N, C-alpha and C. Protein backbone atom coordinates (compact mmCIF):
# COMPACT_ATOMS: atom_id res chain seq x y z
N UNK A 1 7.15 94.60 51.79
CA UNK A 1 7.31 92.75 52.29
C UNK A 1 6.38 92.48 53.38
N UNK A 2 6.90 93.10 54.64
CA UNK A 2 5.97 93.15 55.93
C UNK A 2 4.91 93.05 55.45
N UNK A 3 3.86 94.53 54.38
CA UNK A 3 2.58 94.46 54.20
C UNK A 3 2.08 93.25 53.99
N UNK A 4 2.05 92.84 52.94
CA UNK A 4 2.00 91.71 51.97
C UNK A 4 1.93 90.24 53.21
N UNK A 5 3.29 90.37 53.76
CA UNK A 5 3.28 89.01 54.84
C UNK A 5 2.01 89.43 56.01
N UNK A 6 1.19 90.57 56.21
CA UNK A 6 -0.03 90.88 56.94
C UNK A 6 -1.05 90.65 56.14
N UNK A 7 -0.85 91.09 55.01
CA UNK A 7 -2.19 90.48 54.20
C UNK A 7 -2.54 88.78 53.90
N UNK A 8 -1.40 88.03 53.82
CA UNK A 8 -1.31 87.11 53.74
C UNK A 8 -1.91 86.23 54.38
N UNK A 9 -1.07 86.65 56.15
CA UNK A 9 -1.93 85.87 56.45
C UNK A 9 -3.21 86.52 57.29
N UNK A 10 -3.83 87.36 57.19
CA UNK A 10 -5.30 87.90 57.43
C UNK A 10 -5.83 86.69 56.47
N UNK A 11 -5.25 86.66 54.98
CA UNK A 11 -6.30 85.79 54.63
C UNK A 11 -6.67 84.43 54.87
N UNK A 12 -5.42 84.03 55.03
CA UNK A 12 -5.33 82.89 55.96
C UNK A 12 -6.22 82.55 57.10
N UNK A 13 -5.91 83.67 57.96
CA UNK A 13 -7.02 83.57 59.15
C UNK A 13 -8.46 83.69 58.97
N UNK A 14 -8.97 84.50 57.31
CA UNK A 14 -10.47 84.65 57.15
C UNK A 14 -10.54 83.41 56.80
N UNK A 15 -9.58 83.08 56.30
CA UNK A 15 -10.38 80.99 55.37
C UNK A 15 -10.63 80.20 56.87
N UNK A 16 -9.56 80.36 57.72
CA UNK A 16 -10.13 79.54 58.80
C UNK A 16 -10.92 79.77 59.78
N UNK A 17 -11.07 80.89 59.69
CA UNK A 17 -12.58 80.79 60.32
C UNK A 17 -13.60 80.51 59.94
N UNK A 18 -13.89 81.29 58.60
CA UNK A 18 -14.98 80.48 57.37
C UNK A 18 -14.81 78.82 57.76
N UNK A 19 -13.74 78.38 57.58
CA UNK A 19 -13.80 76.90 57.26
C UNK A 19 -14.40 76.44 59.09
N UNK A 20 -14.36 76.91 60.01
CA UNK A 20 -14.37 76.21 61.43
C UNK A 20 -16.43 76.93 61.71
N UNK A 21 -16.19 77.90 61.22
CA UNK A 21 -17.84 78.36 61.33
C UNK A 21 -18.94 77.19 60.55
N UNK A 22 -17.95 76.78 59.04
CA UNK A 22 -18.91 75.85 58.85
C UNK A 22 -18.92 74.28 59.40
N UNK A 23 -17.72 74.11 59.71
CA UNK A 23 -17.90 72.75 60.38
C UNK A 23 -18.90 72.99 61.58
N UNK A 24 -18.74 73.79 62.34
CA UNK A 24 -19.47 73.34 63.63
C UNK A 24 -20.68 74.43 64.00
N UNK A 25 -20.75 75.93 63.00
CA UNK A 25 -22.07 76.18 63.75
C UNK A 25 -22.77 76.65 62.23
N UNK A 26 -22.63 76.00 61.11
CA UNK A 26 -23.48 76.15 60.27
C UNK A 26 -24.34 74.88 59.65
N UNK A 27 -25.28 74.77 59.27
CA UNK A 27 -26.15 74.24 58.09
C UNK A 27 -25.41 73.15 57.93
N UNK A 28 -24.51 73.15 57.44
CA UNK A 28 -23.45 72.16 57.01
C UNK A 28 -22.66 71.02 57.99
N UNK A 29 -22.82 71.81 59.13
CA UNK A 29 -22.38 70.97 60.39
C UNK A 29 -23.24 70.08 60.84
N UNK A 30 -24.33 69.77 60.81
CA UNK A 30 -25.21 68.94 61.31
C UNK A 30 -24.75 67.43 61.25
N UNK A 31 -25.10 66.37 61.89
CA UNK A 31 -24.74 65.15 61.57
C UNK A 31 -25.74 64.67 62.17
N UNK A 32 -26.18 63.06 61.60
CA UNK A 32 -27.13 62.18 62.38
C UNK A 32 -27.25 62.26 63.60
N UNK A 33 -26.22 61.90 64.34
CA UNK A 33 -26.18 62.13 65.47
C UNK A 33 -26.81 62.94 66.31
N UNK A 34 -26.60 64.16 65.87
CA UNK A 34 -27.74 65.17 66.63
C UNK A 34 -29.11 65.14 66.57
N UNK A 35 -29.55 63.93 66.03
CA UNK A 35 -30.91 63.81 65.96
C UNK A 35 -31.54 62.35 67.09
N UNK A 36 -30.33 61.28 67.41
CA UNK A 36 -30.25 60.21 67.97
C UNK A 36 -31.14 60.63 68.84
N UNK A 37 -32.04 59.49 69.46
CA UNK A 37 -32.87 59.53 69.98
C UNK A 37 -34.17 60.40 70.20
N UNK A 38 -34.48 61.11 69.32
CA UNK A 38 -35.57 62.64 69.31
C UNK A 38 -36.82 61.47 68.43
N UNK A 39 -37.88 61.94 68.97
CA UNK A 39 -38.99 61.37 68.41
C UNK A 39 -40.13 61.99 67.79
N UNK A 40 -40.61 62.25 66.63
CA UNK A 40 -41.01 60.51 66.35
C UNK A 40 -39.80 59.84 65.24
N UNK A 41 -39.79 58.83 65.65
CA UNK A 41 -38.44 57.96 65.27
C UNK A 41 -38.62 58.08 63.16
N UNK A 42 -37.76 58.72 62.63
CA UNK A 42 -38.00 58.66 61.01
C UNK A 42 -37.62 57.48 59.96
N UNK A 43 -38.61 56.61 60.00
CA UNK A 43 -38.31 55.70 58.68
C UNK A 43 -38.56 56.11 57.62
N UNK A 44 -37.69 55.90 56.69
CA UNK A 44 -38.03 56.43 55.67
C UNK A 44 -38.94 55.43 54.74
N UNK A 45 -39.11 53.89 55.32
CA UNK A 45 -39.87 53.01 54.60
C UNK A 45 -41.41 53.37 55.18
N UNK A 46 -41.54 54.07 55.86
CA UNK A 46 -43.30 54.12 56.67
C UNK A 46 -43.36 55.69 56.06
N UNK A 47 -42.83 56.67 56.11
CA UNK A 47 -42.66 57.94 56.51
C UNK A 47 -42.82 58.02 55.08
N UNK A 48 -41.68 57.82 53.81
CA UNK A 48 -41.74 58.12 52.43
C UNK A 48 -42.77 56.73 51.54
N UNK A 49 -43.91 57.04 52.00
CA UNK A 49 -44.17 55.70 51.36
C UNK A 49 -45.64 55.94 51.19
N UNK A 50 -46.13 55.70 49.64
CA UNK A 50 -47.30 55.70 49.58
C UNK A 50 -47.18 57.23 48.30
N UNK A 51 -48.59 58.10 48.05
CA UNK A 51 -48.59 59.11 47.68
C UNK A 51 -48.25 60.48 48.50
N UNK A 52 -47.94 61.41 47.98
CA UNK A 52 -47.13 62.75 49.05
C UNK A 52 -47.55 63.75 48.28
N UNK A 53 -47.89 64.86 49.06
CA UNK A 53 -47.82 66.31 48.55
C UNK A 53 -46.59 66.78 49.23
N UNK A 54 -46.27 67.74 48.25
CA UNK A 54 -45.50 68.75 48.40
C UNK A 54 -45.14 70.00 47.92
N UNK A 55 -45.46 71.15 48.93
CA UNK A 55 -44.94 72.58 48.35
C UNK A 55 -43.57 73.03 48.85
N UNK A 56 -42.64 74.19 48.01
CA UNK A 56 -42.06 74.62 48.52
C UNK A 56 -41.30 75.89 47.85
N UNK A 57 -40.23 76.12 48.25
CA UNK A 57 -39.67 77.38 47.75
C UNK A 57 -37.92 77.10 47.37
N UNK A 58 -37.70 77.97 46.43
CA UNK A 58 -36.22 77.39 46.62
C UNK A 58 -35.73 79.34 46.36
N UNK A 59 -34.84 79.36 46.87
CA UNK A 59 -34.26 80.57 47.14
C UNK A 59 -32.79 80.44 46.97
N UNK A 60 -32.99 81.78 45.59
CA UNK A 60 -31.64 82.11 45.03
C UNK A 60 -30.11 82.42 45.69
N UNK A 61 -29.17 83.00 45.06
CA UNK A 61 -28.08 83.04 45.91
C UNK A 61 -28.16 84.78 46.94
N UNK A 62 -29.15 85.53 46.00
CA UNK A 62 -29.53 86.43 46.81
C UNK A 62 -30.39 86.45 48.11
N UNK A 63 -30.57 85.19 48.36
CA UNK A 63 -31.67 85.19 49.73
C UNK A 63 -32.77 85.46 49.18
N UNK A 64 -33.36 86.12 48.28
CA UNK A 64 -34.87 86.01 47.81
C UNK A 64 -35.11 85.11 46.49
N UNK A 65 -36.57 84.69 47.10
CA UNK A 65 -37.20 83.52 46.69
C UNK A 65 -37.55 83.91 45.22
N UNK A 66 -36.26 82.80 43.87
CA UNK A 66 -36.61 82.82 42.71
C UNK A 66 -37.27 81.55 42.08
N UNK A 67 -37.89 80.92 42.81
CA UNK A 67 -39.49 79.71 42.31
C UNK A 67 -40.06 78.86 43.70
N UNK A 68 -40.85 78.80 43.13
CA UNK A 68 -42.54 78.50 43.79
C UNK A 68 -42.53 77.07 43.15
N UNK A 69 -42.68 76.16 43.93
CA UNK A 69 -43.22 74.76 43.43
C UNK A 69 -44.20 74.25 44.22
N UNK A 70 -45.24 72.96 43.56
CA UNK A 70 -46.18 71.92 44.08
C UNK A 70 -45.44 70.58 43.06
N UNK A 71 -45.36 69.79 44.01
CA UNK A 71 -45.22 68.47 43.35
C UNK A 71 -45.70 67.41 44.29
N UNK A 72 -46.01 66.37 43.69
CA UNK A 72 -47.04 65.05 43.57
C UNK A 72 -45.70 63.86 43.68
N UNK A 73 -45.94 63.02 45.02
CA UNK A 73 -44.74 62.43 45.01
C UNK A 73 -45.60 60.87 45.39
N UNK A 74 -44.59 59.57 44.78
CA UNK A 74 -45.57 58.31 45.04
C UNK A 74 -44.18 57.63 45.49
N UNK A 75 -44.11 57.07 46.82
CA UNK A 75 -42.98 56.00 47.06
C UNK A 75 -43.73 54.47 47.49
N UNK A 76 -42.94 53.70 47.06
CA UNK A 76 -43.28 51.95 47.62
C UNK A 76 -42.40 51.74 47.73
N UNK A 77 -42.12 50.51 48.88
CA UNK A 77 -40.92 49.81 49.57
C UNK A 77 -41.14 47.97 48.97
N UNK A 78 -40.18 47.42 49.01
CA UNK A 78 -40.01 46.10 49.00
C UNK A 78 -38.79 45.60 49.70
N UNK A 79 -39.29 45.51 51.20
CA UNK A 79 -38.39 45.37 52.13
C UNK A 79 -37.55 46.90 51.82
N UNK A 80 -35.94 46.25 51.71
CA UNK A 80 -34.77 48.01 51.97
C UNK A 80 -34.93 48.13 51.07
N UNK A 81 -35.71 48.14 49.59
CA UNK A 81 -35.48 48.65 48.57
C UNK A 81 -36.37 49.48 48.13
N UNK A 82 -36.63 50.56 47.65
CA UNK A 82 -37.40 51.58 47.39
C UNK A 82 -37.57 52.69 46.42
N UNK A 83 -38.19 52.87 45.58
CA UNK A 83 -38.60 53.44 44.57
C UNK A 83 -39.58 54.56 45.07
N UNK A 84 -39.05 55.85 44.48
CA UNK A 84 -39.86 57.50 44.55
C UNK A 84 -40.17 57.90 43.28
N UNK A 85 -40.99 58.65 42.93
CA UNK A 85 -41.24 59.60 41.69
C UNK A 85 -41.79 60.80 42.23
N UNK A 86 -41.51 61.42 41.42
CA UNK A 86 -41.61 63.29 41.92
C UNK A 86 -42.02 64.10 40.40
N UNK A 87 -42.82 64.47 40.64
CA UNK A 87 -43.44 65.38 39.76
C UNK A 87 -43.85 67.00 39.76
N UNK A 88 -42.75 67.43 39.76
CA UNK A 88 -42.61 69.12 40.13
C UNK A 88 -43.53 69.74 38.91
N UNK A 89 -44.25 71.19 39.35
CA UNK A 89 -44.76 71.92 38.71
C UNK A 89 -43.94 73.29 39.16
N UNK A 90 -43.54 73.98 38.54
CA UNK A 90 -42.85 75.37 39.20
C UNK A 90 -44.08 76.69 38.64
N UNK A 91 -43.90 77.38 39.18
CA UNK A 91 -44.60 79.05 39.33
C UNK A 91 -44.10 79.79 37.44
N UNK A 92 -43.17 78.56 37.14
CA UNK A 92 -42.86 79.60 35.75
C UNK A 92 -43.51 78.76 34.44
N UNK A 93 -44.32 77.79 35.48
CA UNK A 93 -44.57 76.48 34.07
C UNK A 93 -44.30 75.92 33.82
N UNK A 94 -42.76 76.04 34.10
CA UNK A 94 -42.08 74.29 34.10
C UNK A 94 -42.37 72.96 34.99
N UNK A 95 -42.19 71.79 33.99
CA UNK A 95 -42.82 70.29 34.56
C UNK A 95 -41.18 69.98 34.68
N UNK A 96 -41.09 68.89 36.06
CA UNK A 96 -39.92 68.44 36.11
C UNK A 96 -40.21 66.99 36.65
N UNK A 97 -40.15 66.01 36.25
CA UNK A 97 -40.11 64.57 36.72
C UNK A 97 -38.53 63.77 37.19
N UNK A 98 -38.64 63.67 38.13
CA UNK A 98 -36.94 62.23 38.67
C UNK A 98 -37.95 61.24 39.38
N UNK A 99 -37.18 60.23 39.51
CA UNK A 99 -37.26 58.83 39.96
C UNK A 99 -36.13 58.43 40.65
N UNK A 100 -36.56 58.17 42.19
CA UNK A 100 -35.19 57.72 42.58
C UNK A 100 -35.07 56.41 42.63
N UNK A 101 -34.14 55.46 43.09
CA UNK A 101 -33.89 54.37 43.58
C UNK A 101 -33.36 54.67 45.32
N UNK A 102 -33.85 53.95 45.76
CA UNK A 102 -33.63 53.93 47.77
C UNK A 102 -33.03 52.37 47.68
N UNK A 103 -32.16 52.89 48.45
CA UNK A 103 -31.86 51.47 49.50
C UNK A 103 -31.21 51.63 50.99
N UNK A 104 -32.14 51.02 51.64
CA UNK A 104 -32.20 51.18 53.31
C UNK A 104 -30.79 49.98 53.69
N UNK A 105 -29.83 50.05 54.56
CA UNK A 105 -28.91 49.32 55.08
C UNK A 105 -29.52 49.21 56.74
N UNK A 106 -28.99 48.22 56.98
CA UNK A 106 -29.25 47.70 58.29
C UNK A 106 -29.22 48.62 59.65
N UNK A 107 -28.17 49.58 59.19
CA UNK A 107 -27.57 50.65 60.19
C UNK A 107 -28.00 52.02 59.70
N UNK A 108 -28.26 51.52 58.65
CA UNK A 108 -29.74 53.31 58.82
C UNK A 108 -29.45 54.31 58.01
N UNK A 109 -27.76 53.21 56.77
CA UNK A 109 -27.38 53.80 55.63
C UNK A 109 -28.44 53.89 54.77
N UNK A 110 -28.26 54.80 53.79
CA UNK A 110 -29.21 55.12 52.59
C UNK A 110 -28.53 55.39 51.27
N UNK A 111 -28.67 54.83 50.37
CA UNK A 111 -27.74 54.71 49.13
C UNK A 111 -28.91 55.67 48.14
N UNK A 112 -28.74 56.34 47.28
CA UNK A 112 -29.66 56.78 46.33
C UNK A 112 -29.51 57.25 44.73
N UNK A 113 -30.42 56.68 43.97
CA UNK A 113 -29.58 56.97 42.63
C UNK A 113 -30.86 57.43 41.95
N UNK A 114 -30.64 58.17 40.91
CA UNK A 114 -31.33 58.96 40.23
C UNK A 114 -30.77 59.60 38.93
N UNK A 115 -31.32 59.39 37.59
CA UNK A 115 -31.11 59.93 36.43
C UNK A 115 -29.89 60.70 36.15
N UNK A 116 -30.46 62.13 37.00
CA UNK A 116 -29.67 63.29 37.33
C UNK A 116 -28.75 63.52 38.41
N UNK A 117 -28.12 62.73 39.02
CA UNK A 117 -27.60 62.33 39.60
C UNK A 117 -25.95 61.93 39.07
N UNK A 118 -25.00 62.36 39.54
CA UNK A 118 -23.60 62.11 39.32
C UNK A 118 -23.12 60.67 40.68
N UNK A 119 -23.23 59.46 40.08
CA UNK A 119 -22.73 58.75 40.81
C UNK A 119 -23.76 58.42 42.17
N UNK A 120 -23.52 58.19 43.18
CA UNK A 120 -24.84 57.49 43.85
C UNK A 120 -25.00 58.45 45.31
N UNK A 121 -25.73 59.06 45.80
CA UNK A 121 -25.90 59.60 47.21
C UNK A 121 -26.20 58.96 48.34
N UNK A 122 -25.47 59.39 49.34
CA UNK A 122 -25.30 58.62 50.64
C UNK A 122 -25.81 59.81 51.87
N UNK A 123 -26.48 58.62 52.15
CA UNK A 123 -27.29 59.75 53.79
C UNK A 123 -27.35 58.96 54.81
N UNK A 124 -28.09 58.79 55.53
CA UNK A 124 -28.24 58.14 56.96
C UNK A 124 -29.88 58.39 57.61
N UNK A 125 -30.78 57.93 58.26
CA UNK A 125 -31.29 57.85 59.13
C UNK A 125 -31.28 57.62 60.26
N UNK A 126 -31.96 58.61 61.35
CA UNK A 126 -31.46 58.91 62.66
C UNK A 126 -32.18 59.89 63.31
N UNK A 127 -32.89 58.73 64.61
CA UNK A 127 -33.98 59.64 65.45
C UNK A 127 -34.84 60.35 63.94
N UNK A 128 -35.11 61.24 64.75
CA UNK A 128 -35.99 62.37 63.57
C UNK A 128 -35.87 62.83 62.22
N UNK A 129 -34.64 62.43 62.33
CA UNK A 129 -33.68 63.08 60.95
C UNK A 129 -33.21 62.44 60.03
N UNK A 130 -33.49 62.50 58.88
CA UNK A 130 -32.89 61.94 57.58
C UNK A 130 -32.08 62.92 57.14
N UNK A 131 -30.44 62.69 56.71
CA UNK A 131 -29.67 63.39 55.49
C UNK A 131 -29.29 62.55 54.82
N UNK A 132 -29.29 63.52 53.34
CA UNK A 132 -28.51 63.02 52.13
C UNK A 132 -27.95 63.73 51.09
N UNK A 133 -26.56 63.17 50.66
CA UNK A 133 -25.62 64.00 50.06
C UNK A 133 -25.56 63.29 49.02
N UNK A 134 -25.65 64.58 47.49
CA UNK A 134 -25.76 63.79 46.45
C UNK A 134 -24.85 65.32 45.62
N UNK A 135 -24.89 64.82 43.95
CA UNK A 135 -24.12 65.60 43.05
C UNK A 135 -25.28 65.42 42.17
N UNK A 136 -25.90 66.72 41.55
CA UNK A 136 -26.70 66.64 41.03
C UNK A 136 -26.68 67.37 39.65
N UNK A 137 -27.21 67.35 38.71
CA UNK A 137 -26.56 68.15 36.96
C UNK A 137 -27.80 68.81 36.56
N UNK A 138 -28.08 70.13 36.85
CA UNK A 138 -29.19 70.53 36.37
C UNK A 138 -29.46 70.74 35.04
N UNK A 139 -30.81 70.72 34.69
CA UNK A 139 -31.36 70.61 33.43
C UNK A 139 -30.30 72.17 32.53
N UNK A 140 -30.44 71.18 31.07
CA UNK A 140 -29.33 72.55 30.01
C UNK A 140 -29.85 73.63 30.29
N UNK A 141 -31.57 73.87 30.53
CA UNK A 141 -32.40 75.34 30.41
C UNK A 141 -31.66 76.10 31.92
N UNK A 142 -31.46 75.35 32.52
CA UNK A 142 -30.92 75.94 33.90
C UNK A 142 -29.52 76.10 34.12
N UNK A 143 -28.89 75.56 32.75
CA UNK A 143 -27.17 75.84 32.92
C UNK A 143 -26.07 74.58 32.76
N UNK A 144 -27.44 73.14 33.45
CA UNK A 144 -26.57 72.55 32.99
C UNK A 144 -25.38 71.89 34.13
N UNK A 145 -25.45 73.26 35.51
CA UNK A 145 -24.27 73.03 36.58
C UNK A 145 -24.18 71.81 37.40
N UNK A 146 -23.24 71.09 37.53
CA UNK A 146 -23.53 69.91 39.17
C UNK A 146 -22.91 71.08 40.10
N UNK A 147 -24.24 70.58 40.68
CA UNK A 147 -23.99 71.26 42.49
C UNK A 147 -23.74 70.12 43.22
N UNK A 148 -23.71 70.47 44.24
CA UNK A 148 -23.24 69.75 45.82
C UNK A 148 -24.69 70.17 46.45
N UNK A 149 -24.96 68.56 46.84
CA UNK A 149 -26.90 69.08 47.44
C UNK A 149 -26.24 68.43 49.06
N UNK A 150 -26.82 68.91 49.65
CA UNK A 150 -27.13 68.46 51.30
C UNK A 150 -28.81 68.62 51.65
N UNK A 151 -29.42 67.58 51.81
CA UNK A 151 -30.70 67.49 52.44
C UNK A 151 -30.95 67.02 53.39
N UNK A 152 -31.99 67.95 53.91
CA UNK A 152 -32.02 67.40 55.64
C UNK A 152 -33.59 66.96 55.77
N UNK A 153 -34.08 66.23 56.26
CA UNK A 153 -35.48 66.50 56.34
C UNK A 153 -35.91 65.59 57.98
N UNK A 154 -36.53 66.21 58.55
CA UNK A 154 -37.25 66.22 59.72
C UNK A 154 -38.47 65.57 59.93
N UNK A 155 -38.66 64.92 60.51
CA UNK A 155 -40.13 64.15 61.04
C UNK A 155 -41.15 64.94 61.98
N UNK A 156 -42.29 65.46 61.48
CA UNK A 156 -43.35 66.06 62.69
C UNK A 156 -43.74 65.47 63.26
N UNK A 157 -44.57 65.89 64.46
CA UNK A 157 -45.12 64.83 64.95
C UNK A 157 -46.79 64.28 64.65
N UNK A 158 -47.22 65.07 63.51
CA UNK A 158 -48.68 64.68 62.94
C UNK A 158 -48.13 64.27 61.51
N UNK A 159 -46.32 63.73 61.54
CA UNK A 159 -46.24 62.86 60.03
C UNK A 159 -45.68 64.00 59.03
N UNK A 160 -46.02 65.01 58.93
CA UNK A 160 -45.84 66.18 57.99
C UNK A 160 -43.82 65.83 57.83
N UNK A 161 -43.22 66.38 57.17
CA UNK A 161 -41.78 66.10 56.81
C UNK A 161 -41.32 67.70 55.74
N UNK A 162 -40.35 68.21 56.90
CA UNK A 162 -39.98 69.38 56.39
C UNK A 162 -38.38 69.44 56.13
N UNK A 163 -38.31 69.62 55.26
CA UNK A 163 -37.25 69.62 53.90
C UNK A 163 -36.47 70.95 53.87
N UNK A 164 -35.10 70.55 54.15
CA UNK A 164 -34.14 72.16 53.72
C UNK A 164 -33.05 71.60 53.19
N UNK A 165 -32.73 71.98 52.08
CA UNK A 165 -31.57 71.54 51.26
C UNK A 165 -30.68 72.74 50.73
N UNK A 166 -29.40 72.45 50.81
CA UNK A 166 -28.63 73.42 50.45
C UNK A 166 -27.80 72.70 48.91
N UNK A 167 -27.83 73.85 47.56
CA UNK A 167 -26.52 73.52 46.77
C UNK A 167 -25.62 74.52 46.94
N UNK A 168 -24.64 73.81 46.35
CA UNK A 168 -23.37 74.51 46.56
C UNK A 168 -22.41 74.08 45.11
N UNK A 169 -21.09 75.07 44.72
CA UNK A 169 -21.03 74.90 43.70
C UNK A 169 -19.97 75.39 43.91
N UNK A 170 -18.51 74.60 43.89
CA UNK A 170 -17.04 75.07 43.65
C UNK A 170 -17.49 75.55 45.72
N UNK A 171 -18.32 75.19 46.66
CA UNK A 171 -18.07 75.00 48.17
C UNK A 171 -18.89 76.22 48.41
N UNK A 172 -19.57 77.12 47.48
CA UNK A 172 -20.62 78.55 47.70
C UNK A 172 -21.99 78.01 47.56
N UNK A 173 -22.44 78.53 48.80
CA UNK A 173 -24.33 78.10 48.10
C UNK A 173 -24.81 79.20 47.45
N UNK A 174 -25.15 78.63 46.04
CA UNK A 174 -25.89 79.29 45.13
C UNK A 174 -27.13 79.32 45.48
N UNK A 175 -27.77 78.51 46.22
CA UNK A 175 -29.42 78.28 46.30
C UNK A 175 -29.82 77.11 47.09
N UNK A 176 -31.21 77.79 48.10
CA UNK A 176 -31.14 76.54 49.08
C UNK A 176 -33.09 76.23 48.86
N UNK A 177 -33.29 75.31 49.44
CA UNK A 177 -34.48 74.66 49.19
C UNK A 177 -35.42 74.76 50.53
N UNK A 178 -36.53 75.28 50.79
CA UNK A 178 -37.24 74.63 51.88
C UNK A 178 -38.80 74.41 51.76
N UNK A 179 -39.05 73.02 51.85
CA UNK A 179 -40.35 72.50 51.40
C UNK A 179 -41.16 71.48 52.73
N UNK A 180 -42.19 71.21 52.20
CA UNK A 180 -42.99 70.49 52.85
C UNK A 180 -43.38 68.81 52.47
N UNK A 181 -43.63 67.74 53.23
CA UNK A 181 -44.00 67.16 52.29
C UNK A 181 -45.40 66.34 53.62
N UNK A 182 -46.18 65.99 52.87
CA UNK A 182 -47.40 64.66 53.63
C UNK A 182 -47.71 63.85 52.81
N UNK A 183 -48.65 63.38 53.51
CA UNK A 183 -49.22 61.89 52.79
C UNK A 183 -50.73 62.89 52.51
N UNK A 184 -50.57 62.57 51.34
CA UNK A 184 -52.18 62.92 50.85
C UNK A 184 -53.23 62.15 51.21
N UNK A 185 -54.57 63.11 51.04
CA UNK A 185 -55.55 62.54 51.86
C UNK A 185 -56.87 62.60 50.92
N UNK A 186 -57.33 62.07 51.23
CA UNK A 186 -59.00 61.79 50.27
C UNK A 186 -59.62 63.45 50.08
N UNK A 187 -59.88 63.98 49.34
CA UNK A 187 -61.13 65.06 49.24
C UNK A 187 -61.83 65.57 50.13
N UNK A 188 -61.75 65.86 51.09
CA UNK A 188 -62.70 66.40 52.27
C UNK A 188 -63.88 66.62 51.91
N UNK A 189 -64.35 67.42 50.66
CA UNK A 189 -65.45 67.75 50.21
C UNK A 189 -66.23 67.17 49.29
N UNK A 190 -65.59 65.53 48.69
CA UNK A 190 -65.74 64.27 47.73
C UNK A 190 -66.48 63.51 49.31
N UNK A 191 -67.75 64.07 50.10
CA UNK A 191 -68.18 63.00 51.08
C UNK A 191 -69.37 62.23 50.61
N UNK A 192 -69.21 60.74 51.27
CA UNK A 192 -69.79 60.15 50.67
C UNK A 192 -71.14 60.29 50.97
N UNK A 193 -72.17 59.38 50.21
CA UNK A 193 -73.50 59.88 50.53
C UNK A 193 -73.88 59.31 52.18
N UNK A 194 -75.13 59.66 52.64
CA UNK A 194 -75.54 59.27 53.56
C UNK A 194 -76.45 58.61 52.85
N UNK A 195 -76.37 56.71 52.81
CA UNK A 195 -77.15 55.38 53.07
C UNK A 195 -78.46 55.80 53.24
N UNK A 196 -78.42 55.93 54.44
CA UNK A 196 -79.98 56.24 55.59
C UNK A 196 -80.71 57.09 54.74
N UNK A 197 -80.29 58.05 54.72
CA UNK A 197 -81.17 59.00 54.28
C UNK A 197 -81.59 58.87 52.88
N UNK A 198 -80.78 58.50 51.83
CA UNK A 198 -80.86 58.05 50.33
C UNK A 198 -82.38 56.82 50.62
N UNK A 199 -82.11 55.78 51.75
CA UNK A 199 -83.05 55.17 51.66
C UNK A 199 -84.82 55.63 52.01
N UNK A 200 -84.41 56.12 52.93
CA UNK A 200 -85.71 57.42 53.28
C UNK A 200 -86.55 58.41 52.20
N UNK A 201 -85.39 58.71 51.63
CA UNK A 201 -85.69 59.19 50.06
C UNK A 201 -86.67 58.52 49.42
């Protein structure tokens, strides 16, 4: 009986330590207030706007890269309401499309909806960071699981956005995504002809 009591107390203590670690010292412990006052200031209406290029990797539960992808995104805003489309191309040859409907409130609260979300995602922009939490249903080809997602985006001085996301099932991390997003620029190899030189010829 005493041995069982010690085992039970040990299990409870271990769970309590894990809960404290997750609350105060893990990726999940971040809050928007952690980035208050940091610059450049992230405004999704400005920095998630127009055509954007994205590259990223997805890590599986073992910590190894399970997928690589490139994506094209396009966002447009009408006041506090925005729409963003995403077109992903994975290294496996699979393609995926998603359309987000976004709303930004005066206090920085973000609400997000998409077809593969269960309910409405909620987040906030503050300082140089943006956080968004939502539940997403994977495609049937990937098991159709419903996962809890935490997205964090960090704005860099040159306008690039670093995105890190955790995907959890029953509280356990099953995948992680790291990606960059940046405004698309004109192909610099397609230089306009020098009109003065053409006139001389």
